[in-house]
Amino acid sequence: MGLFDSMARRLGLMDQMAEKLGADVKGQGPQVYREAVVRCAQCVHPTECKSYLAQEAGLKEAPDYCRNKALLEGLAAEK
């Protein structure tokens, strides 16, 4: 698996988490979005994250292990 494949998968997980929480990370600008993607790429829980996203229809919070938990929940609360 190449670096770009790995980043693409992590980007997909982060986008799904943001969408399910109602957090507009992309709307915060490219620097905030890029930093969120990098934090997600450094996470050691992608399998757990994928499972968490698969079984939850609508989320109220990100899991405790999520490296973007504060950002995502803060943006969701702004709505």
PDB file of N, CA and C in Angstrom:
ATOM      1  N   MET A   1       0.848  -1.171   0.000  1.00  0.00           N
ATOM      2  CA  MET A   1       0.000   0.000   0.000  1.00  0.00           C
ATOM      3  C   MET A   1       0.898   1.239   0.000  1.00  0.00           C
ATOM      4  N   GLY A   2       0.607   2.149  -0.910  1.00  0.00           N
ATOM      5  CA  GLY A   2       1.409   3.343  -1.021  1.00  0.00           C
ATOM      6  C   GLY A   2       0.927   4.445  -0.093  1.00  0.00           C
ATOM      7  N   LEU A   3       1.773   5.436   0.061  1.00  0.00           N
ATOM      8  CA  LEU A   3       1.457   6.581   0.919  1.00  0.00           C
ATOM      9  C   LEU A   3       0.182   7.281   0.473  1.00  0.00           C
ATOM     10  N   PHE A   4       0.019   7.473  -0.821  1.00  0.00           N
ATOM     11  CA  PHE A   4      -1.151   8.183  -1.321  1.00  0.00           C
ATOM     12  C   PHE A   4      -2.432   7.378  -1.109  1.00  0.00           C
ATOM     13  N   ASP A   5      -2.348   6.059  -1.249  1.00  0.00           N
ATOM     14  CA  ASP A   5      -3.508   5.211  -0.975  1.00  0.00           C
ATOM     15  C   ASP A   5      -3.910   5.316   0.488  1.00  0.00           C
ATOM     16  N   SER A   6      -2.915   5.274   1.358  1.00  0.00           N
ATOM     17  CA  SER A   6      -3.170   5.373   2.791  1.00  0.00           C
ATOM     18  C   SER A   6      -3.803   6.724   3.140  1.00  0.00           C
ATOM     19  N   MET A   7      -3.255   7.794   2.599  1.00  0.00           N
ATOM     20  CA  MET A   7      -3.799   9.130   2.862  1.00  0.00           C
ATOM     21  C   MET A   7      -5.232   9.248   2.337  1.00  0.00           C
ATOM     22  N   ALA A   8      -5.492   8.675   1.174  1.00  0.00           N
ATOM     23  CA  ALA A   8      -6.835   8.731   0.597  1.00  0.00           C
ATOM     24  C   ALA A   8      -7.836   8.002   1.484  1.00  0.00           C
ATOM     25  N   ARG A   9      -7.438   6.852   2.024  1.00  0.00           N
ATOM     26  CA  ARG A   9      -8.343   6.114   2.917  1.00  0.00           C
ATOM     27  C   ARG A   9      -8.614   6.906   4.194  1.00  0.00           C
ATOM     28  N   ARG A  10      -7.566   7.504   4.755  1.00  0.00           N
ATOM     29  CA  ARG A  10      -7.728   8.292   5.979  1.00  0.00           C
ATOM     30  C   ARG A  10      -8.577   9.525   5.713  1.00  0.00           C
ATOM     31  N   LEU A  11      -8.377  10.135   4.571  1.00  0.00           N
ATOM     32  CA  LEU A  11      -9.177  11.297   4.192  1.00  0.00           C
ATOM     33  C   LEU A  11     -10.648  10.898   4.122  1.00  0.00           C
ATOM     34  N   GLY A  12     -10.918   9.730   3.579  1.00  0.00           N
ATOM     35  CA  GLY A  12     -12.293   9.243   3.506  1.00  0.00           C
ATOM     36  C   GLY A  12     -12.892   9.044   4.894  1.00  0.00           C
ATOM     37  N   LEU A  13     -12.117   8.481   5.817  1.00  0.00           N
ATOM     38  CA  LEU A  13     -12.608   8.285   7.181  1.00  0.00           C
ATOM     39  C   LEU A  13     -12.888   9.630   7.853  1.00  0.00           C
ATOM     40  N   MET A  14     -11.968  10.569   7.684  1.00  0.00           N
ATOM     41  CA  MET A  14     -12.150  11.868   8.320  1.00  0.00           C
ATOM     42  C   MET A  14     -13.369  12.584   7.747  1.00  0.00           C
ATOM     43  N   ASP A  15     -13.526  12.531   6.433  1.00  0.00           N
ATOM     44  CA  ASP A  15     -14.683  13.179   5.814  1.00  0.00           C
ATOM     45  C   ASP A  15     -15.996  12.540   6.284  1.00  0.00           C
ATOM     46  N   GLN A  16     -16.013  11.224   6.420  1.00  0.00           N
ATOM     47  CA  GLN A  16     -17.219  10.545   6.911  1.00  0.00           C
ATOM     48  C   GLN A  16     -17.537  10.956   8.340  1.00  0.00           C
ATOM     49  N   MET A  17     -16.516  11.015   9.183  1.00  0.00           N
ATOM     50  CA  MET A  17     -16.716  11.396  10.577  1.00  0.00           C
ATOM     51  C   MET A  17     -17.247  12.829  10.644  1.00  0.00           C
ATOM     52  N   ALA A  18     -16.649  13.714   9.876  1.00  0.00           N
ATOM     53  CA  ALA A  18     -17.091  15.110   9.860  1.00  0.00           C
ATOM     54  C   ALA A  18     -18.535  15.213   9.387  1.00  0.00           C
ATOM     55  N   GLU A  19     -18.870  14.484   8.337  1.00  0.00           N
ATOM     56  CA  GLU A  19     -20.231  14.529   7.802  1.00  0.00           C
ATOM     57  C   GLU A  19     -21.247  14.008   8.817  1.00  0.00           C
ATOM     58  N   LYS A  20     -20.939  12.885   9.445  1.00  0.00           N
ATOM     59  CA  LYS A  20     -21.876  12.300  10.410  1.00  0.00           C
ATOM     60  C   LYS A  20     -22.055  13.172  11.650  1.00  0.00           C
ATOM     61  N   LEU A  21     -21.029  13.941  11.981  1.00  0.00           N
ATOM     62  CA  LEU A  21     -21.132  14.840  13.136  1.00  0.00           C
ATOM     63  C   LEU A  21     -21.721  16.193  12.745  1.00  0.00           C
ATOM     64  N   GLY A  22     -21.773  16.474  11.451  1.00  0.00           N
ATOM     65  CA  GLY A  22     -22.256  17.765  10.991  1.00  0.00           C
ATOM     66  C   GLY A  22     -21.216  18.861  11.143  1.00  0.00           C
ATOM     67  N   ALA A  23     -19.948  18.507  10.981  1.00  0.00           N
ATOM     68  CA  ALA A  23     -18.838  19.456  11.134  1.00  0.00           C
ATOM     69  C   ALA A  23     -18.287  19.823   9.761  1.00  0.00           C
ATOM     70  N   ASP A  24     -18.247  21.100   9.455  1.00  0.00           N
ATOM     71  CA  ASP A  24     -17.750  21.573   8.165  1.00  0.00           C
ATOM     72  C   ASP A  24     -16.266  21.901   8.261  1.00  0.00           C
ATOM     73  N   VAL A  25     -15.429  20.878   8.179  1.00  0.00           N
ATOM     74  CA  VAL A  25     -13.982  21.076   8.283  1.00  0.00           C
ATOM     75  C   VAL A  25     -13.462  21.775   7.026  1.00  0.00           C
ATOM     76  N   LYS A  26     -13.953  21.381   5.870  1.00  0.00           N
ATOM     77  CA  LYS A  26     -13.493  21.974   4.614  1.00  0.00           C
ATOM     78  C   LYS A  26     -13.764  23.474   4.581  1.00  0.00           C
ATOM     79  N   GLY A  27     -14.845  23.897   5.183  1.00  0.00           N
ATOM     80  CA  GLY A  27     -15.211  25.308   5.197  1.00  0.00           C
ATOM     81  C   GLY A  27     -14.312  26.159   6.078  1.00  0.00           C
ATOM     82  N   GLN A  28     -13.418  25.532   6.815  1.00  0.00           N
ATOM     83  CA  GLN A  28     -12.516  26.264   7.702  1.00  0.00           C
ATOM     84  C   GLN A  28     -11.241  26.714   6.993  1.00  0.00           C
ATOM     85  N   GLY A  29     -11.118  26.356   5.729  1.00  0.00           N
ATOM     86  CA  GLY A  29      -9.956  26.760   4.951  1.00  0.00           C
ATOM     87  C   GLY A  29      -8.974  25.625   4.768  1.00  0.00           C
ATOM     88  N   PRO A  30      -8.090  25.782   3.782  1.00  0.00           N
ATOM     89  CA  PRO A  30      -7.179  24.684   3.445  1.00  0.00           C
ATOM     90  C   PRO A  30      -6.186  24.319   4.539  1.00  0.00           C
ATOM     91  N   GLN A  31      -5.727  25.267   5.320  1.00  0.00           N
ATOM     92  CA  GLN A  31      -4.738  24.949   6.353  1.00  0.00           C
ATOM     93  C   GLN A  31      -5.369  24.105   7.464  1.00  0.00           C
ATOM     94  N   VAL A  32      -6.547  24.483   7.927  1.00  0.00           N
ATOM     95  CA  VAL A  32      -7.231  23.714   8.978  1.00  0.00           C
ATOM     96  C   VAL A  32      -7.559  22.318   8.466  1.00  0.00           C
ATOM     97  N   TYR A  33      -8.048  22.232   7.237  1.00  0.00           N
ATOM     98  CA  TYR A  33      -8.394  20.943   6.653  1.00  0.00           C
ATOM     99  C   TYR A  33      -7.156  20.057   6.524  1.00  0.00           C
ATOM    100  N   ARG A  34      -6.075  20.610   6.018  1.00  0.00           N
ATOM    101  CA  ARG A  34      -4.828  19.855   5.853  1.00  0.00           C
ATOM    102  C   ARG A  34      -4.310  19.350   7.196  1.00  0.00           C
ATOM    103  N   GLU A  35      -4.349  20.189   8.212  1.00  0.00           N
ATOM    104  CA  GLU A  35      -3.890  19.777   9.544  1.00  0.00           C
ATOM    105  C   GLU A  35      -4.761  18.648  10.095  1.00  0.00           C
ATOM    106  N   ALA A  36      -6.060  18.723   9.842  1.00  0.00           N
ATOM    107  CA  ALA A  36      -6.962  17.659  10.295  1.00  0.00           C
ATOM    108  C   ALA A  36      -6.654  16.343   9.586  1.00  0.00           C
ATOM    109  N   VAL A  37      -6.363  16.413   8.294  1.00  0.00           N
ATOM    110  CA  VAL A  37      -6.021  15.213   7.532  1.00  0.00           C
ATOM    111  C   VAL A  37      -4.725  14.602   8.068  1.00  0.00           C
ATOM    112  N   VAL A  38      -3.745  15.432   8.359  1.00  0.00           N
ATOM    113  CA  VAL A  38      -2.471  14.926   8.886  1.00  0.00           C
ATOM    114  C   VAL A  38      -2.684  14.264  10.244  1.00  0.00           C
ATOM    115  N   ARG A  39      -3.489  14.898  11.113  1.00  0.00           N
ATOM    116  CA  ARG A  39      -3.772  14.275  12.425  1.00  0.00           C
ATOM    117  C   ARG A  39      -4.445  12.921  12.232  1.00  0.00           C
ATOM    118  N   CYS A  40      -5.384  12.851  11.316  1.00  0.00           N
ATOM    119  CA  CYS A  40      -6.081  11.590  11.055  1.00  0.00           C
ATOM    120  C   CYS A  40      -5.105  10.540  10.519  1.00  0.00           C
ATOM    121  N   ALA A  41      -4.210  10.956   9.644  1.00  0.00           N
ATOM    122  CA  ALA A  41      -3.237  10.019   9.065  1.00  0.00           C
ATOM    123  C   ALA A  41      -2.290   9.464  10.118  1.00  0.00           C
ATOM    124  N   GLN A  42      -2.088  10.184  11.211  1.00  0.00           N
ATOM    125  CA  GLN A  42      -1.193   9.735  12.277  1.00  0.00           C
ATOM    126  C   GLN A  42      -1.906   8.848  13.308  1.00  0.00           C
ATOM    127  N   CYS A  43      -3.187   8.682  13.177  1.00  0.00           N
ATOM    128  CA  CYS A  43      -3.969   7.879  14.120  1.00  0.00           C
ATOM    129  C   CYS A  43      -3.619   6.399  13.987  1.00  0.00           C
ATOM    130  N   VAL A  44      -3.625   5.714  15.100  1.00  0.00           N
ATOM    131  CA  VAL A  44      -3.331   4.276  15.105  1.00  0.00           C
ATOM    132  C   VAL A  44      -4.603   3.432  15.236  1.00  0.00           C
ATOM    133  N   HIS A  45      -5.763   4.050  15.015  1.00  0.00           N
ATOM    134  CA  HIS A  45      -7.039   3.346  15.173  1.00  0.00           C
ATOM    135  C   HIS A  45      -7.905   3.360  13.910  1.00  0.00           C
ATOM    136  N   PRO A  46      -7.346   3.215  12.704  1.00  0.00           N
ATOM    137  CA  PRO A  46      -8.201   3.295  11.516  1.00  0.00           C
ATOM    138  C   PRO A  46      -9.223   2.166  11.422  1.00  0.00           C
ATOM    139  N   THR A  47      -8.876   0.977  11.884  1.00  0.00           N
ATOM    140  CA  THR A  47      -9.815  -0.141  11.828  1.00  0.00           C
ATOM    141  C   THR A  47     -10.996   0.106  12.757  1.00  0.00           C
ATOM    142  N   GLU A  48     -10.709   0.589  13.970  1.00  0.00           N
ATOM    143  CA  GLU A  48     -11.778   0.904  14.920  1.00  0.00           C
ATOM    144  C   GLU A  48     -12.655   2.033  14.389  1.00  0.00           C
ATOM    145  N   CYS A  49     -12.026   3.017  13.781  1.00  0.00           N
ATOM    146  CA  CYS A  49     -12.759   4.153  13.232  1.00  0.00           C
ATOM    147  C   CYS A  49     -13.711   3.692  12.126  1.00  0.00           C
ATOM    148  N   LYS A  50     -13.208   2.862  11.240  1.00  0.00           N
ATOM    149  CA  LYS A  50     -14.037   2.350  10.150  1.00  0.00           C
ATOM    150  C   LYS A  50     -15.237   1.579  10.699  1.00  0.00           C
ATOM    151  N   SER A  51     -15.010   0.764  11.716  1.00  0.00           N
ATOM    152  CA  SER A  51     -16.104   0.013  12.337  1.00  0.00           C
ATOM    153  C   SER A  51     -17.093   0.946  13.024  1.00  0.00           C
ATOM    154  N   TYR A  52     -16.585   1.951  13.714  1.00  0.00           N
ATOM    155  CA  TYR A  52     -17.427   2.925  14.410  1.00  0.00           C
ATOM    156  C   TYR A  52     -18.328   3.656  13.417  1.00  0.00           C
ATOM    157  N   LEU A  53     -17.759   4.076  12.314  1.00  0.00           N
ATOM    158  CA  LEU A  53     -18.528   4.792  11.304  1.00  0.00           C
ATOM    159  C   LEU A  53     -19.553   3.889  10.631  1.00  0.00           C
ATOM    160  N   ALA A  54     -19.236   2.625  10.476  1.00  0.00           N
ATOM    161  CA  ALA A  54     -20.132   1.693   9.796  1.00  0.00           C
ATOM    162  C   ALA A  54     -21.376   1.385  10.612  1.00  0.00           C
ATOM    163  N   GLN A  55     -21.286   1.424  11.931  1.00  0.00           N
ATOM    164  CA  GLN A  55     -22.443   1.032  12.737  1.00  0.00           C
ATOM    165  C   GLN A  55     -23.250   2.192  13.292  1.00  0.00           C
ATOM    166  N   GLU A  56     -22.791   3.399  13.112  1.00  0.00           N
ATOM    167  CA  GLU A  56     -23.498   4.556  13.642  1.00  0.00           C
ATOM    168  C   GLU A  56     -24.159   5.334  12.515  1.00  0.00           C
ATOM    169  N   ALA A  57     -25.477   5.497  12.568  1.00  0.00           N
ATOM    170  CA  ALA A  57     -26.190   6.262  11.543  1.00  0.00           C
ATOM    171  C   ALA A  57     -25.918   7.752  11.692  1.00  0.00           C
ATOM    172  N   GLY A  58     -26.149   8.271  12.863  1.00  0.00           N
ATOM    173  CA  GLY A  58     -25.885   9.672  13.146  1.00  0.00           C
ATOM    174  C   GLY A  58     -25.071   9.744  14.422  1.00  0.00           C
ATOM    175  N   LEU A  59     -24.053  10.538  14.423  1.00  0.00           N
ATOM    176  CA  LEU A  59     -23.171  10.588  15.583  1.00  0.00           C
ATOM    177  C   LEU A  59     -23.387  11.854  16.386  1.00  0.00           C
ATOM    178  N   LYS A  60     -23.272  11.738  17.688  1.00  0.00           N
ATOM    179  CA  LYS A  60     -23.323  12.893  18.572  1.00  0.00           C
ATOM    180  C   LYS A  60     -21.920  13.323  18.986  1.00  0.00           C
ATOM    181  N   GLU A  61     -20.986  12.375  18.941  1.00  0.00           N
ATOM    182  CA  GLU A  61     -19.599  12.689  19.305  1.00  0.00           C
ATOM    183  C   GLU A  61     -18.643  11.751  18.584  1.00  0.00           C
ATOM    184  N   ALA A  62     -17.420  12.206  18.468  1.00  0.00           N
ATOM    185  CA  ALA A  62     -16.360  11.367  17.906  1.00  0.00           C
ATOM    186  C   ALA A  62     -15.844  10.454  19.013  1.00  0.00           C
ATOM    187  N   PRO A  63     -15.284   9.320  18.651  1.00  0.00           N
ATOM    188  CA  PRO A  63     -14.736   8.434  19.680  1.00  0.00           C
ATOM    189  C   PRO A  63     -13.554   9.103  20.391  1.00  0.00           C
ATOM    190  N   ASP A  64     -13.293   8.683  21.600  1.00  0.00           N
ATOM    191  CA  ASP A  64     -12.232   9.290  22.405  1.00  0.00           C
ATOM    192  C   ASP A  64     -10.859   9.198  21.752  1.00  0.00           C
ATOM    193  N   TYR A  65     -10.618   8.182  20.951  1.00  0.00           N
ATOM    194  CA  TYR A  65      -9.314   8.023  20.315  1.00  0.00           C
ATOM    195  C   TYR A  65      -9.124   8.933  19.096  1.00  0.00           C
ATOM    196  N   CYS A  66     -10.170   9.601  18.661  1.00  0.00           N
ATOM    197  CA  CYS A  66     -10.095  10.442  17.464  1.00  0.00           C
ATOM    198  C   CYS A  66      -9.195  11.651  17.712  1.00  0.00           C
ATOM    199  N   ARG A  67      -8.190  11.795  16.869  1.00  0.00           N
ATOM    200  CA  ARG A  67      -7.239  12.897  17.012  1.00  0.00           C
ATOM    201  C   ARG A  67      -7.856  14.240  16.606  1.00  0.00           C
ATOM    202  N   ASN A  68      -9.016  14.213  15.970  1.00  0.00           N
ATOM    203  CA  ASN A  68      -9.717  15.427  15.570  1.00  0.00           C
ATOM    204  C   ASN A  68     -10.993  15.647  16.383  1.00  0.00           C
ATOM    205  N   LYS A  69     -11.128  14.938  17.480  1.00  0.00           N
ATOM    206  CA  LYS A  69     -12.343  14.998  18.296  1.00  0.00           C
ATOM    207  C   LYS A  69     -12.719  16.434  18.675  1.00  0.00           C
ATOM    208  N   ALA A  70     -11.802  17.180  19.226  1.00  0.00           N
ATOM    209  CA  ALA A  70     -12.111  18.546  19.669  1.00  0.00           C
ATOM    210  C   ALA A  70     -12.507  19.431  18.497  1.00  0.00           C
ATOM    211  N   LEU A  71     -11.777  19.328  17.398  1.00  0.00           N
ATOM    212  CA  LEU A  71     -12.087  20.135  16.217  1.00  0.00           C
ATOM    213  C   LEU A  71     -13.465  19.789  15.674  1.00  0.00           C
ATOM    214  N   LEU A  72     -13.715  18.504  15.458  1.00  0.00           N
ATOM    215  CA  LEU A  72     -14.982  18.075  14.872  1.00  0.00           C
ATOM    216  C   LEU A  72     -16.179  18.413  15.755  1.00  0.00           C
ATOM    217  N   GLU A  73     -16.054  18.145  17.046  1.00  0.00           N
ATOM    218  CA  GLU A  73     -17.170  18.426  17.953  1.00  0.00           C
ATOM    219  C   GLU A  73     -17.372  19.926  18.124  1.00  0.00           C
ATOM    220  N   GLY A  74     -16.287  20.686  18.120  1.00  0.00           N
ATOM    221  CA  GLY A  74     -16.405  22.139  18.209  1.00  0.00           C
ATOM    222  C   GLY A  74     -17.107  22.726  17.002  1.00  0.00           C
ATOM    223  N   LEU A  75     -16.758  22.248  15.809  1.00  0.00           N
ATOM    224  CA  LEU A  75     -17.411  22.731  14.593  1.00  0.00           C
ATOM    225  C   LEU A  75     -18.868  22.302  14.536  1.00  0.00           C
ATOM    226  N   ALA A  76     -19.154  21.089  14.970  1.00  0.00           N
ATOM    227  CA  ALA A  76     -20.535  20.619  14.978  1.00  0.00           C
ATOM    228  C   ALA A  76     -21.393  21.429  15.938  1.00  0.00           C
ATOM    229  N   ALA A  77     -20.822  21.848  17.052  1.00  0.00           N
ATOM    230  CA  ALA A  77     -21.563  22.626  18.046  1.00  0.00           C
ATOM    231  C   ALA A  77     -21.881  24.036  17.543  1.00  0.00           C
ATOM    232  N   GLU A  78     -21.117  24.526  16.586  1.00  0.00           N
ATOM    233  CA  GLU A  78     -21.334  25.865  16.040  1.00  0.00           C
ATOM    234  C   GLU A  78     -22.587  25.937  15.192  1.00  0.00           C
ATOM    235  N   LYS A  79     -23.088  24.821  14.744  1.00  0.00           N
ATOM    236  CA  LYS A  79     -24.270  24.815  13.868  1.00  0.00           C
ATOM    237  C   LYS A  79     -25.530  25.082  14.620  1.00  0.00           C
TER     238      LYS A  79
END
